[in-house]
C-alpha cells in the first residue's frame, strides 16, 4: 500500500480539496496561479505513478483501483468548479462551452460503468492511443483555463459584455478550443469502448 506510486496517487486525491479551494474565488488571480502550479504537479504525478509502478514492478491492485479514480475525481472537480465560476463561458457562444464539459463527464461515468461490468467478466479494455490524445487535450484545456484565470482574470460572463480582445484573452479562448477537441475525441473513444463492450453483452 505504501509504495511510492500509491503514495503519489493518494497525494493527488488529497490535494483535490485544496485545488477546489484555490479555484473557488474567480477574481483571485494569485489563487488561480497557485491552482495552476498545483494542477500541473498533480498531472505530473499522474504520469510518474504509473511509470514508476511499471518500472519497479510495483503494480498493485490498490494502485490499479485508485489511479483512474484519482484522475476522474480531479477532472470532474475542476470542470464543475470552473463551470460554476464562469470559466466555461466564452465571447462567441456563451454557456454552450459547458456542453463540452458535460460530454467529458458523461463519458467518464459511462466508461467507468462499462469497465466495472467487463471486469466482472474478466475482460480488460486497453487504453487506445486516441484515448491518450483525449487525455492530453483534456489536461491542456483545463490547465489552460486555470492559467487564463491567473493571467487574464475571469472571462466574459455574457455575450453582451464588452469582452477583452483576443490578445488579452487568448489563453482562455485557446483552452476552450482544446476543450472541444477533447470532447470530440471523448465521443470517438467512448464509442470505441462501447463497441468493444457490446461484444460481451448477450
C-alpha atoms as a PDB file:
ATOM      1  CA  UNK A   1       0.000   0.000   0.000  1.00  0.00           C
ATOM      2  CA  UNK A   2       2.796   2.439   0.891  1.00  0.00           C
ATOM      3  CA  UNK A   3       4.770   2.074  -2.299  1.00  0.00           C
ATOM      4  CA  UNK A   4       5.860   5.346  -3.930  1.00  0.00           C
ATOM      5  CA  UNK A   5       3.412   5.028  -6.871  1.00  0.00           C
ATOM      6  CA  UNK A   6       0.485   4.539  -4.476  1.00  0.00           C
ATOM      7  CA  UNK A   7       1.602   7.466  -2.326  1.00  0.00           C
ATOM      8  CA  UNK A   8       1.707   9.693  -5.424  1.00  0.00           C
ATOM      9  CA  UNK A   9      -1.778   8.557  -6.411  1.00  0.00           C
ATOM     10  CA  UNK A  10      -3.192   9.178  -2.932  1.00  0.00           C
ATOM     11  CA  UNK A  11      -1.482  12.577  -2.814  1.00  0.00           C
ATOM     12  CA  UNK A  12      -3.465  13.579  -5.926  1.00  0.00           C
ATOM     13  CA  UNK A  13      -6.715  12.680  -4.198  1.00  0.00           C
ATOM     14  CA  UNK A  14      -5.684  14.502  -1.012  1.00  0.00           C
ATOM     15  CA  UNK A  15      -4.787  17.645  -2.996  1.00  0.00           C
ATOM     16  CA  UNK A  16      -8.225  17.959  -4.661  1.00  0.00           C
ATOM     17  CA  UNK A  17      -9.871  19.951  -1.796  1.00  0.00           C
ATOM     18  CA  UNK A  18      -7.015  22.467  -1.879  1.00  0.00           C
ATOM     19  CA  UNK A  19      -7.293  22.751  -5.664  1.00  0.00           C
ATOM     20  CA  UNK A  20     -11.048  23.360  -5.389  1.00  0.00           C
ATOM     21  CA  UNK A  21     -10.479  25.995  -2.696  1.00  0.00           C
ATOM     22  CA  UNK A  22      -7.984  27.898  -4.864  1.00  0.00           C
ATOM     23  CA  UNK A  23     -10.407  27.838  -7.804  1.00  0.00           C
ATOM     24  CA  UNK A  24     -13.399  28.930  -5.747  1.00  0.00           C
ATOM     25  CA  UNK A  25     -12.634  32.652  -5.980  1.00  0.00           C
ATOM     26  CA  UNK A  26     -12.801  33.683  -9.674  1.00  0.00           C
ATOM     27  CA  UNK A  27     -11.393  37.173  -9.075  1.00  0.00           C
ATOM     28  CA  UNK A  28      -8.385  35.879  -7.110  1.00  0.00           C
ATOM     29  CA  UNK A  29      -5.748  35.749  -9.850  1.00  0.00           C
ATOM     30  CA  UNK A  30      -2.984  34.752  -7.424  1.00  0.00           C
ATOM     31  CA  UNK A  31      -5.133  31.859  -6.257  1.00  0.00           C
ATOM     32  CA  UNK A  32      -5.567  30.717  -9.840  1.00  0.00           C
ATOM     33  CA  UNK A  33      -1.816  30.960 -10.333  1.00  0.00           C
ATOM     34  CA  UNK A  34      -1.269  28.731  -7.305  1.00  0.00           C
ATOM     35  CA  UNK A  35      -4.031  26.404  -8.548  1.00  0.00           C
ATOM     36  CA  UNK A  36      -2.250  26.112 -11.895  1.00  0.00           C
ATOM     37  CA  UNK A  37       1.004  25.095 -10.182  1.00  0.00           C
ATOM     38  CA  UNK A  38      -0.841  22.532  -8.054  1.00  0.00           C
ATOM     39  CA  UNK A  39      -2.765  21.222 -11.077  1.00  0.00           C
ATOM     40  CA  UNK A  40       0.483  20.833 -13.038  1.00  0.00           C
ATOM     41  CA  UNK A  41       2.076  18.919 -10.149  1.00  0.00           C
ATOM     42  CA  UNK A  42      -0.967  16.634  -9.959  1.00  0.00           C
ATOM     43  CA  UNK A  43      -0.775  15.977 -13.712  1.00  0.00           C
ATOM     44  CA  UNK A  44       2.943  15.176 -13.408  1.00  0.00           C
ATOM     45  CA  UNK A  45       2.332  12.711 -10.571  1.00  0.00           C
ATOM     46  CA  UNK A  46      -0.379  11.115 -12.732  1.00  0.00           C
ATOM     47  CA  UNK A  47       2.326  10.251 -15.266  1.00  0.00           C
ATOM     48  CA  UNK A  48       5.011   9.234 -12.807  1.00  0.00           C
ATOM     49  CA  UNK A  49       2.944   6.986 -10.550  1.00  0.00           C
ATOM     50  CA  UNK A  50       2.138   4.693 -13.482  1.00  0.00           C
ATOM     51  CA  UNK A  51       5.661   4.907 -14.884  1.00  0.00           C
ATOM     52  CA  UNK A  52       7.298   4.120 -11.542  1.00  0.00           C
ATOM     53  CA  UNK A  53       4.882   1.267 -10.855  1.00  0.00           C
ATOM     54  CA  UNK A  54       5.722  -0.390 -14.177  1.00  0.00           C
ATOM     55  CA  UNK A  55       9.461   0.342 -13.994  1.00  0.00           C
ATOM     56  CA  UNK A  56       9.858  -1.019 -10.464  1.00  0.00           C
ATOM     57  CA  UNK A  57       7.424  -3.889 -10.840  1.00  0.00           C
ATOM     58  CA  UNK A  58       5.336  -2.375  -8.046  1.00  0.00           C
ATOM     59  CA  UNK A  59       1.999  -2.526  -9.874  1.00  0.00           C
ATOM     60  CA  UNK A  60      -0.616  -3.260  -7.222  1.00  0.00           C
ATOM     61  CA  UNK A  61      -4.335  -3.878  -7.171  1.00  0.00           C
ATOM     62  CA  UNK A  62      -4.733  -0.823  -4.936  1.00  0.00           C
ATOM     63  CA  UNK A  63      -2.909   1.336  -7.484  1.00  0.00           C
ATOM     64  CA  UNK A  64      -4.957  -0.047 -10.354  1.00  0.00           C
ATOM     65  CA  UNK A  65      -8.088   0.777  -8.363  1.00  0.00           C
ATOM     66  CA  UNK A  66      -7.087   4.249  -7.144  1.00  0.00           C
ATOM     67  CA  UNK A  67      -5.333   5.669 -10.221  1.00  0.00           C
ATOM     68  CA  UNK A  68      -8.388   6.002 -12.508  1.00  0.00           C
ATOM     69  CA  UNK A  69     -10.475   7.208  -9.559  1.00  0.00           C
ATOM     70  CA  UNK A  70      -7.920   9.939  -8.773  1.00  0.00           C
ATOM     71  CA  UNK A  71      -7.931  11.058 -12.408  1.00  0.00           C
ATOM     72  CA  UNK A  72     -11.717  11.214 -12.632  1.00  0.00           C
ATOM     73  CA  UNK A  73     -12.097  12.997  -9.290  1.00  0.00           C
ATOM     74  CA  UNK A  74      -9.587  15.653 -10.343  1.00  0.00           C
ATOM     75  CA  UNK A  75     -11.093  16.202 -13.797  1.00  0.00           C
ATOM     76  CA  UNK A  76     -14.694  16.259 -12.519  1.00  0.00           C
ATOM     77  CA  UNK A  77     -13.826  18.649  -9.673  1.00  0.00           C
ATOM     78  CA  UNK A  78     -12.055  21.103 -11.977  1.00  0.00           C
ATOM     79  CA  UNK A  79     -14.814  21.028 -14.619  1.00  0.00           C
ATOM     80  CA  UNK A  80     -17.573  21.573 -12.051  1.00  0.00           C
ATOM     81  CA  UNK A  81     -15.835  24.417 -10.220  1.00  0.00           C
ATOM     82  CA  UNK A  82     -14.739  26.172 -13.420  1.00  0.00           C
ATOM     83  CA  UNK A  83     -18.305  25.888 -14.729  1.00  0.00           C
ATOM     84  CA  UNK A  84     -19.730  27.320 -11.514  1.00  0.00           C
ATOM     85  CA  UNK A  85     -17.268  30.221 -11.597  1.00  0.00           C
ATOM     86  CA  UNK A  86     -17.969  31.086 -15.232  1.00  0.00           C
ATOM     87  CA  UNK A  87     -14.790  29.836 -16.875  1.00  0.00           C
ATOM     88  CA  UNK A  88     -16.625  27.627 -19.369  1.00  0.00           C
ATOM     89  CA  UNK A  89     -18.200  30.714 -20.885  1.00  0.00           C
ATOM     90  CA  UNK A  90     -16.799  32.481 -23.917  1.00  0.00           C
ATOM     91  CA  UNK A  91     -17.305  35.566 -26.077  1.00  0.00           C
ATOM     92  CA  UNK A  92     -18.703  33.580 -29.019  1.00  0.00           C
ATOM     93  CA  UNK A  93     -21.277  31.040 -27.818  1.00  0.00           C
ATOM     94  CA  UNK A  94     -21.604  31.930 -24.146  1.00  0.00           C
ATOM     95  CA  UNK A  95     -22.595  28.985 -21.953  1.00  0.00           C
ATOM     96  CA  UNK A  96     -22.509  26.489 -24.831  1.00  0.00           C
ATOM     97  CA  UNK A  97     -18.937  25.584 -23.834  1.00  0.00           C
ATOM     98  CA  UNK A  98     -20.450  23.835 -20.796  1.00  0.00           C
ATOM     99  CA  UNK A  99     -21.685  21.142 -23.214  1.00  0.00           C
ATOM    100  CA  UNK A 100     -18.076  20.132 -23.906  1.00  0.00           C
ATOM    101  CA  UNK A 101     -17.536  19.670 -20.179  1.00  0.00           C
ATOM    102  CA  UNK A 102     -20.749  17.646 -19.898  1.00  0.00           C
ATOM    103  CA  UNK A 103     -19.683  15.358 -22.731  1.00  0.00           C
ATOM    104  CA  UNK A 104     -16.400  14.643 -20.964  1.00  0.00           C
ATOM    105  CA  UNK A 105     -18.093  13.942 -17.623  1.00  0.00           C
ATOM    106  CA  UNK A 106     -20.734  11.693 -19.181  1.00  0.00           C
ATOM    107  CA  UNK A 107     -18.088   9.675 -21.000  1.00  0.00           C
ATOM    108  CA  UNK A 108     -16.035   9.225 -17.822  1.00  0.00           C
ATOM    109  CA  UNK A 109     -19.072   7.892 -15.952  1.00  0.00           C
ATOM    110  CA  UNK A 110     -20.154   5.639 -18.822  1.00  0.00           C
ATOM    111  CA  UNK A 111     -16.689   4.159 -19.370  1.00  0.00           C
ATOM    112  CA  UNK A 112     -16.270   3.565 -15.632  1.00  0.00           C
ATOM    113  CA  UNK A 113     -19.549   1.625 -15.603  1.00  0.00           C
ATOM    114  CA  UNK A 114     -18.510  -0.329 -18.682  1.00  0.00           C
ATOM    115  CA  UNK A 115     -15.129  -1.219 -17.181  1.00  0.00           C
ATOM    116  CA  UNK A 116     -16.829  -2.380 -13.980  1.00  0.00           C
ATOM    117  CA  UNK A 117     -19.206  -4.573 -15.997  1.00  0.00           C
ATOM    118  CA  UNK A 118     -16.421  -6.057 -18.118  1.00  0.00           C
ATOM    119  CA  UNK A 119     -14.250  -6.546 -15.035  1.00  0.00           C
ATOM    120  CA  UNK A 120     -16.868  -8.934 -13.700  1.00  0.00           C
ATOM    121  CA  UNK A 121     -16.462 -10.909 -16.914  1.00  0.00           C
ATOM    122  CA  UNK A 122     -12.657 -10.904 -16.582  1.00  0.00           C
ATOM    123  CA  UNK A 123     -12.403  -8.777 -19.728  1.00  0.00           C
ATOM    124  CA  UNK A 124      -9.981  -5.844 -19.855  1.00  0.00           C
ATOM    125  CA  UNK A 125     -10.281  -2.890 -22.222  1.00  0.00           C
ATOM    126  CA  UNK A 126      -6.862  -1.457 -23.115  1.00  0.00           C
ATOM    127  CA  UNK A 127      -6.397   2.306 -23.384  1.00  0.00           C
ATOM    128  CA  UNK A 128      -6.081   3.298 -27.041  1.00  0.00           C
ATOM    129  CA  UNK A 129      -3.656   5.881 -28.443  1.00  0.00           C
ATOM    130  CA  UNK A 130      -6.627   8.074 -29.317  1.00  0.00           C
ATOM    131  CA  UNK A 131      -7.778   7.931 -25.699  1.00  0.00           C
ATOM    132  CA  UNK A 132      -4.329   9.115 -24.620  1.00  0.00           C
ATOM    133  CA  UNK A 133      -4.659  12.059 -27.013  1.00  0.00           C
ATOM    134  CA  UNK A 134      -8.055  12.778 -25.476  1.00  0.00           C
ATOM    135  CA  UNK A 135      -6.487  12.854 -22.038  1.00  0.00           C
ATOM    136  CA  UNK A 136      -3.719  15.152 -23.277  1.00  0.00           C
ATOM    137  CA  UNK A 137      -6.169  17.665 -24.786  1.00  0.00           C
ATOM    138  CA  UNK A 138      -8.311  17.439 -21.671  1.00  0.00           C
ATOM    139  CA  UNK A 139      -5.419  18.171 -19.325  1.00  0.00           C
ATOM    140  CA  UNK A 140      -4.169  21.023 -21.531  1.00  0.00           C
ATOM    141  CA  UNK A 141      -7.650  22.538 -21.797  1.00  0.00           C
ATOM    142  CA  UNK A 142      -8.383  22.553 -18.079  1.00  0.00           C
ATOM    143  CA  UNK A 143      -4.869  23.660 -17.204  1.00  0.00           C
ATOM    144  CA  UNK A 144      -5.160  26.462 -19.766  1.00  0.00           C
ATOM    145  CA  UNK A 145      -8.480  27.644 -18.324  1.00  0.00           C
ATOM    146  CA  UNK A 146      -6.882  27.812 -14.877  1.00  0.00           C
ATOM    147  CA  UNK A 147      -3.827  29.621 -16.270  1.00  0.00           C
ATOM    148  CA  UNK A 148      -6.135  32.011 -18.116  1.00  0.00           C
ATOM    149  CA  UNK A 149      -7.735  32.886 -14.792  1.00  0.00           C
ATOM    150  CA  UNK A 150      -4.299  33.690 -13.395  1.00  0.00           C
ATOM    151  CA  UNK A 151      -3.182  35.762 -16.411  1.00  0.00           C
ATOM    152  CA  UNK A 152      -6.399  37.309 -17.776  1.00  0.00           C
ATOM    153  CA  UNK A 153      -8.776  37.065 -14.838  1.00  0.00           C
ATOM    154  CA  UNK A 154     -12.379  35.908 -15.068  1.00  0.00           C
ATOM    155  CA  UNK A 155     -13.695  35.713 -18.655  1.00  0.00           C
ATOM    156  CA  UNK A 156     -16.795  37.444 -20.063  1.00  0.00           C
ATOM    157  CA  UNK A 157     -19.965  36.388 -18.315  1.00  0.00           C
ATOM    158  CA  UNK A 158     -22.363  37.011 -21.195  1.00  0.00           C
ATOM    159  CA  UNK A 159     -22.385  37.780 -24.893  1.00  0.00           C
ATOM    160  CA  UNK A 160     -23.441  41.341 -24.089  1.00  0.00           C
ATOM    161  CA  UNK A 161     -20.289  42.055 -22.095  1.00  0.00           C
ATOM    162  CA  UNK A 162     -17.536  44.183 -23.535  1.00  0.00           C
ATOM    163  CA  UNK A 163     -15.143  41.276 -23.793  1.00  0.00           C
ATOM    164  CA  UNK A 164     -11.400  41.660 -23.895  1.00  0.00           C
ATOM    165  CA  UNK A 165      -9.634  41.410 -27.242  1.00  0.00           C
ATOM    166  CA  UNK A 166      -8.204  38.094 -28.372  1.00  0.00           C
ATOM    167  CA  UNK A 167      -4.716  39.319 -27.456  1.00  0.00           C
ATOM    168  CA  UNK A 168      -5.920  39.894 -23.886  1.00  0.00           C
ATOM    169  CA  UNK A 169      -7.731  36.560 -23.516  1.00  0.00           C
ATOM    170  CA  UNK A 170      -6.023  34.175 -25.947  1.00  0.00           C
ATOM    171  CA  UNK A 171      -5.153  31.604 -23.281  1.00  0.00           C
ATOM    172  CA  UNK A 172      -8.804  31.273 -22.309  1.00  0.00           C
ATOM    173  CA  UNK A 173     -10.044  31.108 -25.926  1.00  0.00           C
ATOM    174  CA  UNK A 174      -7.369  28.578 -26.974  1.00  0.00           C
ATOM    175  CA  UNK A 175      -8.224  26.437 -23.946  1.00  0.00           C
ATOM    176  CA  UNK A 176     -11.898  26.371 -24.906  1.00  0.00           C
ATOM    177  CA  UNK A 177     -10.927  25.139 -28.389  1.00  0.00           C
ATOM    178  CA  UNK A 178      -8.796  22.447 -26.694  1.00  0.00           C
ATOM    179  CA  UNK A 179     -11.769  21.502 -24.537  1.00  0.00           C
ATOM    180  CA  UNK A 180     -13.939  20.964 -27.621  1.00  0.00           C
ATOM    181  CA  UNK A 181     -11.170  18.887 -29.213  1.00  0.00           C
ATOM    182  CA  UNK A 182     -11.101  16.747 -26.064  1.00  0.00           C
ATOM    183  CA  UNK A 183     -14.907  16.451 -26.180  1.00  0.00           C
ATOM    184  CA  UNK A 184     -14.799  15.309 -29.819  1.00  0.00           C
ATOM    185  CA  UNK A 185     -12.163  12.686 -29.024  1.00  0.00           C
ATOM    186  CA  UNK A 186     -14.236  11.725 -25.983  1.00  0.00           C
ATOM    187  CA  UNK A 187     -17.189  10.832 -28.201  1.00  0.00           C
ATOM    188  CA  UNK A 188     -15.000   8.824 -30.594  1.00  0.00           C
ATOM    189  CA  UNK A 189     -13.139   6.885 -27.902  1.00  0.00           C
ATOM    190  CA  UNK A 190     -16.313   6.426 -25.858  1.00  0.00           C
ATOM    191  CA  UNK A 191     -17.983   4.789 -28.853  1.00  0.00           C
ATOM    192  CA  UNK A 192     -14.916   2.572 -29.367  1.00  0.00           C
ATOM    193  CA  UNK A 193     -15.133   1.383 -25.746  1.00  0.00           C
ATOM    194  CA  UNK A 194     -18.876   0.827 -26.025  1.00  0.00           C
ATOM    195  CA  UNK A 195     -18.491  -1.136 -29.258  1.00  0.00           C
ATOM    196  CA  UNK A 196     -15.865  -3.338 -27.600  1.00  0.00           C
ATOM    197  CA  UNK A 197     -18.144  -3.870 -24.623  1.00  0.00           C
ATOM    198  CA  UNK A 198     -21.192  -4.758 -26.719  1.00  0.00           C
ATOM    199  CA  UNK A 199     -19.355  -7.824 -28.000  1.00  0.00           C
ATOM    200  CA  UNK A 200     -19.524  -9.273 -24.488  1.00  0.00           C
ATOM    201  CA  UNK A 201     -23.189  -8.485 -23.843  1.00  0.00           C
ATOM    202  CA  UNK A 202     -25.650 -11.263 -24.652  1.00  0.00           C
END
